[in-house]
Amino acid sequence: MYEIWLASNIVWEMALTVWPLLLAAAVAWLLLMTAAVRRPGARLRRALPAALLCAAAGAFAAFVIVPGAVGSSLGELGYWVDVANLAAIAAGCGVAVGAFAWPLAAIFRARAA
């Protein structure tokens, strides 16, 4: 249980150091969602499968790339907490990719139609 709280605290402290970037990303996402909702012919529900596919690809890519990016490797995952942390990081990256891909897919689908 200690490892979970430690990981949560580390994530919080890291988020505090980059909060302006997180705020900018949130504003950009809100602007994209607003543009997608207001665009004539844009259907967010129809764009969801494409966004989910992008999210899965982003999560897989993050799972493979993140260990090397921090100077480690997949072979170093010897403890279940390490695997859980990497899976959580990859899931977070996948959610972020999917969140931005969703309105973009809706806008591009409306443009193509």
N, C-alpha and C. Protein backbone atom coordinates (compact mmCIF):
# COMPACT_ATOMS: atom_id res chain seq x y z
N MET A 1 0.82 -1.19 0.00
CA MET A 1 0.00 0.00 0.00
C MET A 1 0.87 1.26 0.00
N TYR A 2 2.01 1.16 0.67
CA TYR A 2 2.92 2.30 0.73
C TYR A 2 3.37 2.72 -0.66
N GLU A 3 3.64 1.73 -1.53
CA GLU A 3 4.13 2.03 -2.87
C GLU A 3 3.10 2.81 -3.68
N ILE A 4 1.82 2.50 -3.47
CA ILE A 4 0.76 3.21 -4.21
C ILE A 4 0.71 4.66 -3.78
N TRP A 5 0.77 4.91 -2.49
CA TRP A 5 0.75 6.30 -2.00
C TRP A 5 2.01 7.04 -2.41
N LEU A 6 3.12 6.37 -2.41
CA LEU A 6 4.36 6.99 -2.84
C LEU A 6 4.28 7.38 -4.32
N ALA A 7 3.76 6.48 -5.14
CA ALA A 7 3.62 6.77 -6.57
C ALA A 7 2.64 7.92 -6.79
N SER A 8 1.54 7.94 -6.04
CA SER A 8 0.57 9.03 -6.15
C SER A 8 1.20 10.37 -5.77
N ASN A 9 1.99 10.37 -4.72
CA ASN A 9 2.66 11.59 -4.29
C ASN A 9 3.67 12.06 -5.33
N ILE A 10 4.39 11.15 -5.94
CA ILE A 10 5.36 11.51 -6.97
C ILE A 10 4.65 12.11 -8.17
N VAL A 11 3.54 11.51 -8.59
CA VAL A 11 2.77 12.05 -9.72
C VAL A 11 2.28 13.46 -9.39
N TRP A 12 1.77 13.66 -8.19
CA TRP A 12 1.28 14.98 -7.79
C TRP A 12 2.40 16.01 -7.81
N GLU A 13 3.55 15.67 -7.24
CA GLU A 13 4.67 16.60 -7.21
C GLU A 13 5.18 16.92 -8.61
N MET A 14 5.19 15.92 -9.49
CA MET A 14 5.62 16.17 -10.87
C MET A 14 4.61 17.06 -11.59
N ALA A 15 3.32 16.87 -11.32
CA ALA A 15 2.30 17.70 -11.95
C ALA A 15 2.41 19.14 -11.47
N LEU A 16 2.78 19.34 -10.23
CA LEU A 16 2.95 20.71 -9.71
C LEU A 16 4.07 21.45 -10.42
N THR A 17 5.08 20.72 -10.87
CA THR A 17 6.21 21.37 -11.53
C THR A 17 5.88 21.78 -12.97
N VAL A 18 4.88 21.15 -13.57
CA VAL A 18 4.54 21.46 -14.97
C VAL A 18 3.09 21.92 -15.11
N TRP A 19 2.52 22.49 -14.05
CA TRP A 19 1.11 22.86 -14.10
C TRP A 19 0.80 23.85 -15.21
N PRO A 20 1.68 24.78 -15.59
CA PRO A 20 1.31 25.66 -16.70
C PRO A 20 1.11 24.89 -18.02
N LEU A 21 1.94 23.88 -18.24
CA LEU A 21 1.78 23.06 -19.45
C LEU A 21 0.49 22.24 -19.40
N LEU A 22 0.17 21.72 -18.22
CA LEU A 22 -1.08 20.97 -18.08
C LEU A 22 -2.28 21.88 -18.28
N LEU A 23 -2.20 23.10 -17.78
CA LEU A 23 -3.28 24.07 -17.99
C LEU A 23 -3.42 24.42 -19.46
N ALA A 24 -2.30 24.62 -20.14
CA ALA A 24 -2.34 24.93 -21.58
C ALA A 24 -2.93 23.76 -22.37
N ALA A 25 -2.58 22.54 -21.99
CA ALA A 25 -3.15 21.37 -22.67
C ALA A 25 -4.65 21.28 -22.43
N ALA A 26 -5.09 21.57 -21.22
CA ALA A 26 -6.53 21.54 -20.92
C ALA A 26 -7.28 22.60 -21.72
N VAL A 27 -6.71 23.79 -21.83
CA VAL A 27 -7.35 24.85 -22.61
C VAL A 27 -7.39 24.48 -24.09
N ALA A 28 -6.29 23.92 -24.59
CA ALA A 28 -6.26 23.49 -26.00
C ALA A 28 -7.32 22.41 -26.26
N TRP A 29 -7.46 21.47 -25.32
CA TRP A 29 -8.47 20.42 -25.49
C TRP A 29 -9.88 21.01 -25.48
N LEU A 30 -10.13 21.94 -24.58
CA LEU A 30 -11.45 22.58 -24.54
C LEU A 30 -11.74 23.34 -25.83
N LEU A 31 -10.74 24.01 -26.37
CA LEU A 31 -10.93 24.71 -27.64
C LEU A 31 -11.21 23.74 -28.78
N LEU A 32 -10.50 22.61 -28.80
CA LEU A 32 -10.75 21.61 -29.83
C LEU A 32 -12.15 21.02 -29.69
N MET A 33 -12.57 20.73 -28.47
CA MET A 33 -13.91 20.18 -28.27
C MET A 33 -14.98 21.19 -28.68
N THR A 34 -14.75 22.46 -28.37
CA THR A 34 -15.70 23.51 -28.77
C THR A 34 -15.78 23.61 -30.28
N ALA A 35 -14.63 23.56 -30.93
CA ALA A 35 -14.61 23.61 -32.40
C ALA A 35 -15.31 22.40 -33.00
N ALA A 36 -15.13 21.24 -32.40
CA ALA A 36 -15.76 20.02 -32.93
C ALA A 36 -17.27 20.06 -32.74
N VAL A 37 -17.73 20.57 -31.62
CA VAL A 37 -19.17 20.61 -31.35
C VAL A 37 -19.85 21.64 -32.25
N ARG A 38 -19.18 22.74 -32.50
CA ARG A 38 -19.78 23.81 -33.31
C ARG A 38 -19.65 23.59 -34.81
N ARG A 39 -18.82 22.67 -35.22
CA ARG A 39 -18.61 22.44 -36.65
C ARG A 39 -19.83 21.75 -37.25
N PRO A 40 -20.37 22.29 -38.32
CA PRO A 40 -21.53 21.64 -38.95
C PRO A 40 -21.16 20.26 -39.48
N GLY A 41 -21.94 19.30 -39.15
CA GLY A 41 -21.71 17.94 -39.63
C GLY A 41 -20.76 17.12 -38.77
N ALA A 42 -20.18 17.72 -37.76
CA ALA A 42 -19.26 16.98 -36.89
C ALA A 42 -20.07 16.11 -35.93
N ARG A 43 -19.73 14.85 -35.86
CA ARG A 43 -20.41 13.91 -34.98
C ARG A 43 -19.37 13.28 -34.06
N LEU A 44 -19.42 13.70 -32.81
CA LEU A 44 -18.44 13.18 -31.85
C LEU A 44 -18.61 11.68 -31.64
N ARG A 45 -19.83 11.21 -31.65
CA ARG A 45 -20.06 9.78 -31.41
C ARG A 45 -19.47 8.93 -32.53
N ARG A 46 -19.57 9.41 -33.76
CA ARG A 46 -18.99 8.65 -34.88
C ARG A 46 -17.47 8.69 -34.89
N ALA A 47 -16.90 9.69 -34.29
CA ALA A 47 -15.43 9.80 -34.25
C ALA A 47 -14.82 9.01 -33.11
N LEU A 48 -15.64 8.49 -32.21
CA LEU A 48 -15.13 7.78 -31.04
C LEU A 48 -14.31 6.53 -31.38
N PRO A 49 -14.71 5.68 -32.32
CA PRO A 49 -13.86 4.52 -32.63
C PRO A 49 -12.46 4.89 -33.10
N ALA A 50 -12.36 5.93 -33.92
CA ALA A 50 -11.03 6.37 -34.37
C ALA A 50 -10.21 6.88 -33.20
N ALA A 51 -10.85 7.61 -32.29
CA ALA A 51 -10.15 8.13 -31.12
C ALA A 51 -9.69 6.99 -30.20
N LEU A 52 -10.52 5.97 -30.04
CA LEU A 52 -10.13 4.83 -29.21
C LEU A 52 -8.97 4.06 -29.83
N LEU A 53 -8.96 3.96 -31.15
CA LEU A 53 -7.84 3.30 -31.83
C LEU A 53 -6.55 4.10 -31.62
N CYS A 54 -6.63 5.41 -31.73
CA CYS A 54 -5.47 6.27 -31.47
C CYS A 54 -5.02 6.14 -30.02
N ALA A 55 -5.98 6.07 -29.10
CA ALA A 55 -5.64 5.94 -27.68
C ALA A 55 -4.92 4.62 -27.41
N ALA A 56 -5.39 3.54 -28.00
CA ALA A 56 -4.74 2.25 -27.81
C ALA A 56 -3.33 2.26 -28.40
N ALA A 57 -3.17 2.86 -29.57
CA ALA A 57 -1.85 2.95 -30.18
C ALA A 57 -0.92 3.81 -29.33
N GLY A 58 -1.44 4.91 -28.79
CA GLY A 58 -0.62 5.76 -27.93
C GLY A 58 -0.23 5.07 -26.65
N ALA A 59 -1.13 4.31 -26.06
CA ALA A 59 -0.81 3.58 -24.83
C ALA A 59 0.24 2.51 -25.09
N PHE A 60 0.10 1.80 -26.18
CA PHE A 60 1.09 0.77 -26.52
C PHE A 60 2.46 1.40 -26.77
N ALA A 61 2.46 2.49 -27.54
CA ALA A 61 3.73 3.17 -27.82
C ALA A 61 4.37 3.67 -26.54
N ALA A 62 3.58 4.23 -25.64
CA ALA A 62 4.13 4.72 -24.37
C ALA A 62 4.67 3.56 -23.54
N PHE A 63 3.99 2.42 -23.53
CA PHE A 63 4.45 1.27 -22.75
C PHE A 63 5.82 0.81 -23.24
N VAL A 64 6.04 0.90 -24.54
CA VAL A 64 7.31 0.44 -25.11
C VAL A 64 8.39 1.53 -25.01
N ILE A 65 8.02 2.80 -25.20
CA ILE A 65 9.01 3.87 -25.31
C ILE A 65 9.43 4.44 -23.96
N VAL A 66 8.52 4.55 -23.01
CA VAL A 66 8.82 5.23 -21.74
C VAL A 66 10.02 4.63 -21.00
N PRO A 67 10.14 3.32 -20.86
CA PRO A 67 11.32 2.81 -20.13
C PRO A 67 12.64 3.26 -20.74
N GLY A 68 12.74 3.21 -22.06
CA GLY A 68 13.97 3.67 -22.71
C GLY A 68 14.19 5.16 -22.57
N ALA A 69 13.10 5.91 -22.54
CA ALA A 69 13.21 7.37 -22.42
C ALA A 69 13.73 7.80 -21.06
N VAL A 70 13.54 6.97 -20.05
CA VAL A 70 14.04 7.31 -18.71
C VAL A 70 15.31 6.54 -18.35
N GLY A 71 15.92 5.91 -19.34
CA GLY A 71 17.18 5.22 -19.11
C GLY A 71 17.04 3.84 -18.53
N SER A 72 15.93 3.19 -18.75
CA SER A 72 15.70 1.84 -18.24
C SER A 72 15.35 0.93 -19.41
N SER A 73 14.74 -0.19 -19.13
CA SER A 73 14.28 -1.10 -20.18
C SER A 73 13.13 -1.94 -19.64
N LEU A 74 12.45 -2.61 -20.53
CA LEU A 74 11.36 -3.48 -20.10
C LEU A 74 11.88 -4.65 -19.27
N GLY A 75 13.13 -5.02 -19.45
CA GLY A 75 13.72 -6.11 -18.69
C GLY A 75 13.94 -5.77 -17.22
N GLU A 76 13.88 -4.52 -16.88
CA GLU A 76 14.08 -4.08 -15.50
C GLU A 76 12.80 -4.14 -14.67
N LEU A 77 11.71 -4.55 -15.26
CA LEU A 77 10.43 -4.61 -14.54
C LEU A 77 10.38 -5.90 -13.72
N GLY A 78 11.00 -5.86 -12.57
CA GLY A 78 11.08 -7.06 -11.75
C GLY A 78 10.07 -7.12 -10.62
N TYR A 79 9.38 -6.04 -10.35
CA TYR A 79 8.47 -5.96 -9.21
C TYR A 79 7.11 -5.53 -9.74
N TRP A 80 6.03 -6.05 -9.18
CA TRP A 80 4.70 -5.78 -9.73
C TRP A 80 4.37 -4.30 -9.72
N VAL A 81 4.93 -3.55 -8.77
CA VAL A 81 4.66 -2.12 -8.70
C VAL A 81 5.28 -1.41 -9.90
N ASP A 82 6.43 -1.88 -10.36
CA ASP A 82 7.05 -1.31 -11.55
C ASP A 82 6.16 -1.49 -12.78
N VAL A 83 5.62 -2.68 -12.93
CA VAL A 83 4.73 -2.97 -14.06
C VAL A 83 3.46 -2.14 -13.93
N ALA A 84 2.92 -2.05 -12.73
CA ALA A 84 1.70 -1.27 -12.52
C ALA A 84 1.93 0.22 -12.81
N ASN A 85 3.07 0.75 -12.39
CA ASN A 85 3.37 2.14 -12.66
C ASN A 85 3.54 2.39 -14.16
N LEU A 86 4.25 1.51 -14.84
CA LEU A 86 4.42 1.67 -16.28
C LEU A 86 3.08 1.55 -16.99
N ALA A 87 2.24 0.62 -16.56
CA ALA A 87 0.91 0.48 -17.18
C ALA A 87 0.07 1.72 -16.93
N ALA A 88 0.17 2.31 -15.74
CA ALA A 88 -0.58 3.53 -15.44
C ALA A 88 -0.07 4.71 -16.27
N ILE A 89 1.23 4.82 -16.43
CA ILE A 89 1.80 5.88 -17.27
C ILE A 89 1.34 5.69 -18.71
N ALA A 90 1.39 4.46 -19.20
CA ALA A 90 0.96 4.19 -20.58
C ALA A 90 -0.52 4.46 -20.75
N ALA A 91 -1.32 4.10 -19.76
CA ALA A 91 -2.76 4.37 -19.84
C ALA A 91 -3.02 5.87 -19.85
N GLY A 92 -2.30 6.61 -19.02
CA GLY A 92 -2.45 8.06 -19.01
C GLY A 92 -2.08 8.68 -20.34
N CYS A 93 -1.01 8.21 -20.94
CA CYS A 93 -0.62 8.69 -22.27
C CYS A 93 -1.68 8.33 -23.30
N GLY A 94 -2.22 7.13 -23.21
CA GLY A 94 -3.28 6.72 -24.14
C GLY A 94 -4.52 7.57 -24.00
N VAL A 95 -4.89 7.89 -22.76
CA VAL A 95 -6.06 8.75 -22.53
C VAL A 95 -5.81 10.14 -23.12
N ALA A 96 -4.61 10.67 -22.93
CA ALA A 96 -4.29 11.99 -23.47
C ALA A 96 -4.34 11.99 -24.99
N VAL A 97 -3.77 10.97 -25.61
CA VAL A 97 -3.80 10.86 -27.07
C VAL A 97 -5.24 10.74 -27.56
N GLY A 98 -6.02 9.89 -26.90
CA GLY A 98 -7.41 9.71 -27.29
C GLY A 98 -8.24 10.97 -27.10
N ALA A 99 -7.98 11.70 -26.03
CA ALA A 99 -8.73 12.92 -25.76
C ALA A 99 -8.50 13.97 -26.84
N PHE A 100 -7.27 14.07 -27.34
CA PHE A 100 -7.00 15.03 -28.40
C PHE A 100 -7.41 14.49 -29.77
N ALA A 101 -7.35 13.18 -29.95
CA ALA A 101 -7.72 12.61 -31.23
C ALA A 101 -9.23 12.66 -31.46
N TRP A 102 -10.02 12.62 -30.40
CA TRP A 102 -11.47 12.58 -30.54
C TRP A 102 -12.03 13.81 -31.25
N PRO A 103 -11.77 15.03 -30.77
CA PRO A 103 -12.32 16.18 -31.49
C PRO A 103 -11.68 16.35 -32.87
N LEU A 104 -10.39 16.02 -33.00
CA LEU A 104 -9.75 16.14 -34.30
C LEU A 104 -10.37 15.18 -35.31
N ALA A 105 -10.67 13.96 -34.88
CA ALA A 105 -11.31 13.00 -35.78
C ALA A 105 -12.70 13.48 -36.18
N ALA A 106 -13.43 14.07 -35.25
CA ALA A 106 -14.76 14.59 -35.57
C ALA A 106 -14.68 15.74 -36.57
N ILE A 107 -13.70 16.62 -36.38
CA ILE A 107 -13.54 17.75 -37.31
C ILE A 107 -13.14 17.27 -38.70
N PHE A 108 -12.20 16.34 -38.77
CA PHE A 108 -11.76 15.86 -40.08
C PHE A 108 -12.82 15.02 -40.77
N ARG A 109 -13.61 14.28 -40.02
CA ARG A 109 -14.71 13.52 -40.61
C ARG A 109 -15.77 14.46 -41.18
N ALA A 110 -16.02 15.56 -40.48
CA ALA A 110 -16.99 16.54 -40.97
C ALA A 110 -16.47 17.22 -42.22
N ARG A 111 -15.19 17.46 -42.27
CA ARG A 111 -14.59 18.10 -43.45
C ARG A 111 -14.66 17.18 -44.65
N ALA A 112 -14.43 15.86 -44.43
CA ALA A 112 -14.44 14.90 -45.53
C ALA A 112 -15.86 14.64 -46.05
N ALA A 113 -16.85 14.83 -45.21
CA ALA A 113 -18.23 14.53 -45.63
C ALA A 113 -18.83 15.63 -46.49
